[in-house]
């Protein structure tokens, strides 16, 4: 997640999209395609299929981690801990380094004629955080947009459960069911998507909550470490559990149909 259903504006959301498609492929969560006739024309891919094809993989995790890692390293090395530069000066260098890294990633992908949509989204998130940190002079504000966005995602997921339209179900329809949202008529899948969406609410709230506490404490460096070493692993574990749960249900239903 939140993975598909979640907004795609911040750098960590891009990571989730890319990891999501890779796990879908690895666990074969796609429904079995019907046999094609020899004279049947290849259908034009749906919008959902085209979106799915644009999602990246683990490489996206590395690319989206680099700007944050650059910010953390420069802020630590140039600050009081090592070089002893004035706090705001070290912050400006850290901001510049993060933005430059994001721009370099985008330029590299563009030079290789690779999709740059994710790089642009990542740069957008970095730019907002950099602007806030520059205006306030507080390094921890670099992470504030991502924290607020994660809380908003958790709220959207919770609302979708309350109105009985679980977002995880829509994400599965886009990523593994060729854009078809026919799971509403499948009571077991519907129930599975309902409680899995609640699992994502808890996961997102936990990730954002930890970071929010550190933000209030003004622990900028700890925020960066949590963002890289804790936040994304929590996402990966939640997605792996989600993929396993869906795979179990769909596999059992396929087995029942063949009996």
Protein backbone atom coordinates (compact mmCIF):
# COMPACT_ATOMS: atom_id res chain seq x y z
CA UNK A 1 0.00 0.00 0.00
CA UNK A 2 -0.92 2.30 1.34
CA UNK A 3 -0.17 1.09 -1.27
CA UNK A 4 -2.59 2.31 -4.96
CA UNK A 5 -5.24 3.77 -2.81
CA UNK A 6 -3.00 6.19 -1.16
CA UNK A 7 -2.05 9.61 -2.52
CA UNK A 8 1.07 9.68 -4.62
CA UNK A 9 2.55 12.99 -3.61
CA UNK A 10 5.28 12.17 -1.14
CA UNK A 11 8.47 10.25 -1.64
CA UNK A 12 7.55 7.35 0.62
CA UNK A 13 4.27 6.81 -1.25
CA UNK A 14 6.28 6.22 -4.42
CA UNK A 15 8.23 3.51 -2.64
CA UNK A 16 5.03 1.77 -1.69
CA UNK A 17 3.73 1.71 -5.22
CA UNK A 18 6.91 0.15 -6.54
CA UNK A 19 7.23 -2.49 -3.84
CA UNK A 20 3.55 -3.35 -4.23
CA UNK A 21 3.77 -4.34 -7.87
CA UNK A 22 6.90 -6.40 -7.27
CA UNK A 23 5.26 -8.42 -4.49
CA UNK A 24 2.12 -8.93 -6.61
CA UNK A 25 4.29 -10.41 -9.34
CA UNK A 26 6.36 -12.56 -6.97
CA UNK A 27 3.34 -14.08 -5.20
CA UNK A 28 1.31 -14.45 -8.39
CA UNK A 29 -1.76 -12.65 -7.05
CA UNK A 30 -3.07 -12.14 -10.57
CA UNK A 31 -6.14 -14.17 -11.52
CA UNK A 32 -5.55 -16.98 -14.01
CA UNK A 33 -6.23 -15.60 -17.53
CA UNK A 34 -8.75 -17.43 -19.69
CA UNK A 35 -7.46 -19.47 -22.61
CA UNK A 36 -7.10 -17.41 -25.79
CA UNK A 37 -8.34 -18.50 -29.14
CA UNK A 38 -5.92 -18.42 -32.05
CA UNK A 39 -7.98 -15.88 -33.93
CA UNK A 40 -8.66 -13.73 -30.91
CA UNK A 41 -7.07 -10.29 -31.11
CA UNK A 42 -4.94 -9.04 -28.28
CA UNK A 43 -7.16 -6.64 -26.31
CA UNK A 44 -5.98 -3.11 -25.73
CA UNK A 45 -4.71 -2.83 -22.14
CA UNK A 46 -7.08 -1.13 -19.75
CA UNK A 47 -6.13 2.02 -17.88
CA UNK A 48 -5.62 -0.03 -14.71
CA UNK A 49 -3.26 -2.40 -16.54
CA UNK A 50 -1.30 0.53 -17.92
CA UNK A 51 -1.02 2.03 -14.44
CA UNK A 52 0.15 -1.31 -13.09
CA UNK A 53 2.84 -1.59 -15.75
CA UNK A 54 4.24 1.78 -14.73
CA UNK A 55 4.88 0.71 -11.14
CA UNK A 56 8.50 0.01 -10.32
CA UNK A 57 10.31 -2.35 -7.92
CA UNK A 58 12.98 -2.43 -5.23
CA UNK A 59 15.03 0.07 -7.22
CA UNK A 60 12.41 2.65 -6.29
CA UNK A 61 13.10 2.01 -2.62
CA UNK A 62 16.76 2.88 -3.11
CA UNK A 63 16.04 5.93 -5.24
CA UNK A 64 13.47 7.33 -2.83
CA UNK A 65 15.72 6.65 0.17
CA UNK A 66 18.68 8.58 -1.18
CA UNK A 67 17.34 12.16 -0.76
CA UNK A 68 16.30 11.45 2.84
CA UNK A 69 19.59 9.71 3.56
CA UNK A 70 21.49 12.65 2.09
CA UNK A 71 19.55 15.08 4.28
CA UNK A 72 20.24 13.09 7.43
CA UNK A 73 23.96 12.59 6.72
CA UNK A 74 24.65 16.21 5.79
CA UNK A 75 22.69 17.52 8.76
CA UNK A 76 24.68 15.28 11.12
CA UNK A 77 28.12 15.67 9.53
CA UNK A 78 27.94 19.44 9.03
CA UNK A 79 26.16 20.18 12.30
CA UNK A 80 27.36 20.24 15.87
CA UNK A 81 28.10 16.53 15.88
CA UNK A 82 31.08 16.67 13.48
CA UNK A 83 31.91 19.83 11.54
CA UNK A 84 30.37 22.22 14.05
CA UNK A 85 28.63 24.53 11.57
CA UNK A 86 25.88 26.80 12.79
CA UNK A 87 22.55 24.95 12.94
CA UNK A 88 20.82 26.89 10.16
CA UNK A 89 23.87 26.70 7.89
CA UNK A 90 24.08 22.94 8.27
CA UNK A 91 20.33 22.73 7.64
CA UNK A 92 20.62 24.71 4.39
CA UNK A 93 23.37 22.40 3.14
CA UNK A 94 21.27 19.37 4.06
CA UNK A 95 18.24 20.80 2.24
CA UNK A 96 20.33 21.57 -0.82
CA UNK A 97 21.84 18.10 -0.81
CA UNK A 98 18.43 16.40 -0.59
CA UNK A 99 16.96 18.47 -3.42
CA UNK A 100 20.06 17.98 -5.58
CA UNK A 101 19.92 14.21 -5.03
CA UNK A 102 16.25 14.09 -6.02
CA UNK A 103 16.97 16.17 -9.14
CA UNK A 104 19.94 13.96 -10.04
CA UNK A 105 17.78 10.84 -9.82
CA UNK A 106 15.18 12.40 -12.08
CA UNK A 107 17.84 13.53 -14.57
CA UNK A 108 19.43 10.07 -14.60
CA UNK A 109 16.11 8.39 -15.37
CA UNK A 110 15.35 10.97 -18.03
CA UNK A 111 18.73 10.46 -19.67
CA UNK A 112 18.08 6.72 -19.81
CA UNK A 113 14.59 7.37 -21.22
CA UNK A 114 12.95 5.76 -18.22
CA UNK A 115 9.66 6.89 -16.62
CA UNK A 116 10.18 9.95 -14.44
CA UNK A 117 6.71 10.20 -12.90
CA UNK A 118 7.84 8.63 -9.62
CA UNK A 119 10.94 10.83 -9.54
CA UNK A 120 8.79 13.93 -10.05
CA UNK A 121 6.42 12.87 -7.26
CA UNK A 122 9.39 12.22 -5.00
CA UNK A 123 10.88 15.62 -5.83
CA UNK A 124 7.53 17.24 -5.07
CA UNK A 125 7.50 15.72 -1.59
CA UNK A 126 11.13 16.62 -0.96
CA UNK A 127 10.53 20.19 -2.14
CA UNK A 128 7.62 20.75 0.24
CA UNK A 129 9.56 19.40 3.20
CA UNK A 130 12.64 21.43 2.23
CA UNK A 131 10.57 24.61 1.98
CA UNK A 132 9.07 24.13 5.43
CA UNK A 133 12.46 23.39 6.98
CA UNK A 134 13.95 26.45 5.26
CA UNK A 135 11.13 28.75 6.44
CA UNK A 136 11.16 27.58 10.05
CA UNK A 137 14.85 26.78 10.41
CA UNK A 138 13.93 23.47 12.03
CA UNK A 139 15.31 20.32 10.41
CA UNK A 140 12.47 18.19 11.78
CA UNK A 141 9.96 20.11 9.64
CA UNK A 142 11.53 18.46 6.59
CA UNK A 143 9.54 15.35 7.53
CA UNK A 144 6.26 17.02 8.50
CA UNK A 145 4.49 16.74 5.09
CA UNK A 146 5.09 12.99 5.00
CA UNK A 147 3.78 12.60 8.55
CA UNK A 148 0.58 14.53 7.83
CA UNK A 149 0.08 12.69 4.56
CA UNK A 150 0.35 9.32 6.30
CA UNK A 151 -2.25 10.35 8.88
CA UNK A 152 -4.54 11.46 6.04
CA UNK A 153 -4.11 8.10 4.32
CA UNK A 154 -5.03 6.26 7.52
CA UNK A 155 -8.15 8.42 7.87
CA UNK A 156 -9.19 7.76 4.25
CA UNK A 157 -8.78 4.01 4.74
CA UNK A 158 -10.83 4.06 7.93
CA UNK A 159 -13.63 5.98 6.24
CA UNK A 160 -13.65 3.48 3.37
CA UNK A 161 -14.26 0.67 5.86
CA UNK A 162 -17.06 2.56 7.60
CA UNK A 163 -18.86 3.12 4.29
CA UNK A 164 -18.19 -0.53 3.33
CA UNK A 165 -16.03 0.29 0.35
CA UNK A 166 -12.59 -0.91 1.54
CA UNK A 167 -9.79 0.75 -0.40
CA UNK A 168 -7.59 -2.35 -0.27
CA UNK A 169 -10.18 -4.10 -2.40
CA UNK A 170 -9.96 -1.39 -5.05
CA UNK A 171 -6.16 -1.59 -4.98
CA UNK A 172 -6.32 -5.34 -5.53
CA UNK A 173 -8.74 -4.83 -8.40
CA UNK A 174 -6.35 -2.43 -10.09
CA UNK A 175 -3.11 -4.30 -9.45
CA UNK A 176 -4.15 -7.94 -9.70
CA UNK A 177 -7.61 -8.17 -11.26
CA UNK A 178 -7.10 -6.19 -14.49
CA UNK A 179 -9.03 -3.23 -13.16
CA UNK A 180 -12.18 -5.24 -12.48
CA UNK A 181 -13.91 -4.47 -9.19
CA UNK A 182 -16.13 -7.57 -9.14
CA UNK A 183 -15.08 -8.57 -5.64
CA UNK A 184 -18.16 -6.89 -4.15
CA UNK A 185 -20.14 -9.99 -5.06
CA UNK A 186 -17.63 -12.26 -3.32
CA UNK A 187 -18.59 -12.23 0.37
CA UNK A 188 -15.35 -13.82 1.57
CA UNK A 189 -13.13 -11.46 -0.42
CA UNK A 190 -15.17 -8.48 0.70
CA UNK A 191 -14.77 -9.44 4.35
CA UNK A 192 -11.05 -10.01 3.82
CA UNK A 193 -10.60 -6.58 2.25
CA UNK A 194 -12.53 -4.97 5.10
CA UNK A 195 -10.27 -6.27 7.85
CA UNK A 196 -7.12 -5.89 5.79
CA UNK A 197 -7.96 -2.23 5.29
CA UNK A 198 -8.19 -1.90 9.07
CA UNK A 199 -4.76 -3.54 9.35
CA UNK A 200 -3.43 -0.79 7.09
CA UNK A 201 -5.10 1.86 9.25
CA UNK A 202 -3.20 0.54 12.25
CA UNK A 203 0.07 0.25 10.30
CA UNK A 204 -0.11 3.78 8.90
CA UNK A 205 -1.15 5.24 12.24
CA UNK A 206 1.77 3.50 13.95
CA UNK A 207 4.28 4.78 11.40
CA UNK A 208 2.94 8.33 11.48
CA UNK A 209 2.51 8.28 15.26
CA UNK A 210 6.13 7.37 15.95
CA UNK A 211 7.36 10.06 13.60
CA UNK A 212 4.95 12.65 15.01
CA UNK A 213 6.24 12.10 18.54
CA UNK A 214 9.82 12.55 17.34
CA UNK A 215 8.78 15.66 15.41
CA UNK A 216 7.28 17.17 18.55
CA UNK A 217 10.49 16.39 20.41
CA UNK A 218 12.54 18.11 17.69
CA UNK A 219 14.57 14.97 17.01
CA UNK A 220 15.35 15.58 13.34
CA UNK A 221 18.10 12.99 12.99
CA UNK A 222 16.06 10.32 14.78
CA UNK A 223 13.19 11.12 12.40
CA UNK A 224 15.39 10.40 9.40
CA UNK A 225 16.59 7.12 10.88
CA UNK A 226 13.02 6.04 11.69
CA UNK A 227 11.89 7.03 8.21
CA UNK A 228 14.48 4.78 6.56
CA UNK A 229 15.01 1.91 9.01
CA UNK A 230 11.62 1.55 10.71
CA UNK A 231 8.82 3.18 8.74
CA UNK A 232 9.38 1.41 5.43
CA UNK A 233 10.00 -2.03 7.00
CA UNK A 234 6.64 -1.66 8.78
CA UNK A 235 5.09 -0.98 5.39
CA UNK A 236 6.86 -3.95 3.81
CA UNK A 237 5.67 -6.28 6.58
CA UNK A 238 2.10 -5.01 6.27
CA UNK A 239 2.13 -5.45 2.52
CA UNK A 240 3.60 -8.95 2.77
CA UNK A 241 0.86 -9.93 5.23
CA UNK A 242 -1.79 -8.40 2.95
CA UNK A 243 -0.46 -10.27 -0.08
CA UNK A 244 -0.39 -13.54 1.87
CA UNK A 245 -3.95 -13.11 3.14
CA UNK A 246 -5.36 -12.33 -0.30
CA UNK A 247 -3.36 -15.14 -1.91
CA UNK A 248 -4.72 -17.62 0.63
CA UNK A 249 -8.33 -16.65 -0.02
CA UNK A 250 -8.07 -16.54 -3.82
CA UNK A 251 -6.15 -19.83 -3.92
CA UNK A 252 -8.71 -21.61 -1.74
CA UNK A 253 -11.57 -20.32 -3.86
CA UNK A 254 -9.84 -21.43 -7.07
CA UNK A 255 -9.33 -24.90 -5.54
CA UNK A 256 -12.99 -25.10 -4.56
CA UNK A 257 -14.06 -24.19 -8.11
CA UNK A 258 -11.96 -27.01 -9.60
CA UNK A 259 -13.46 -29.69 -7.33
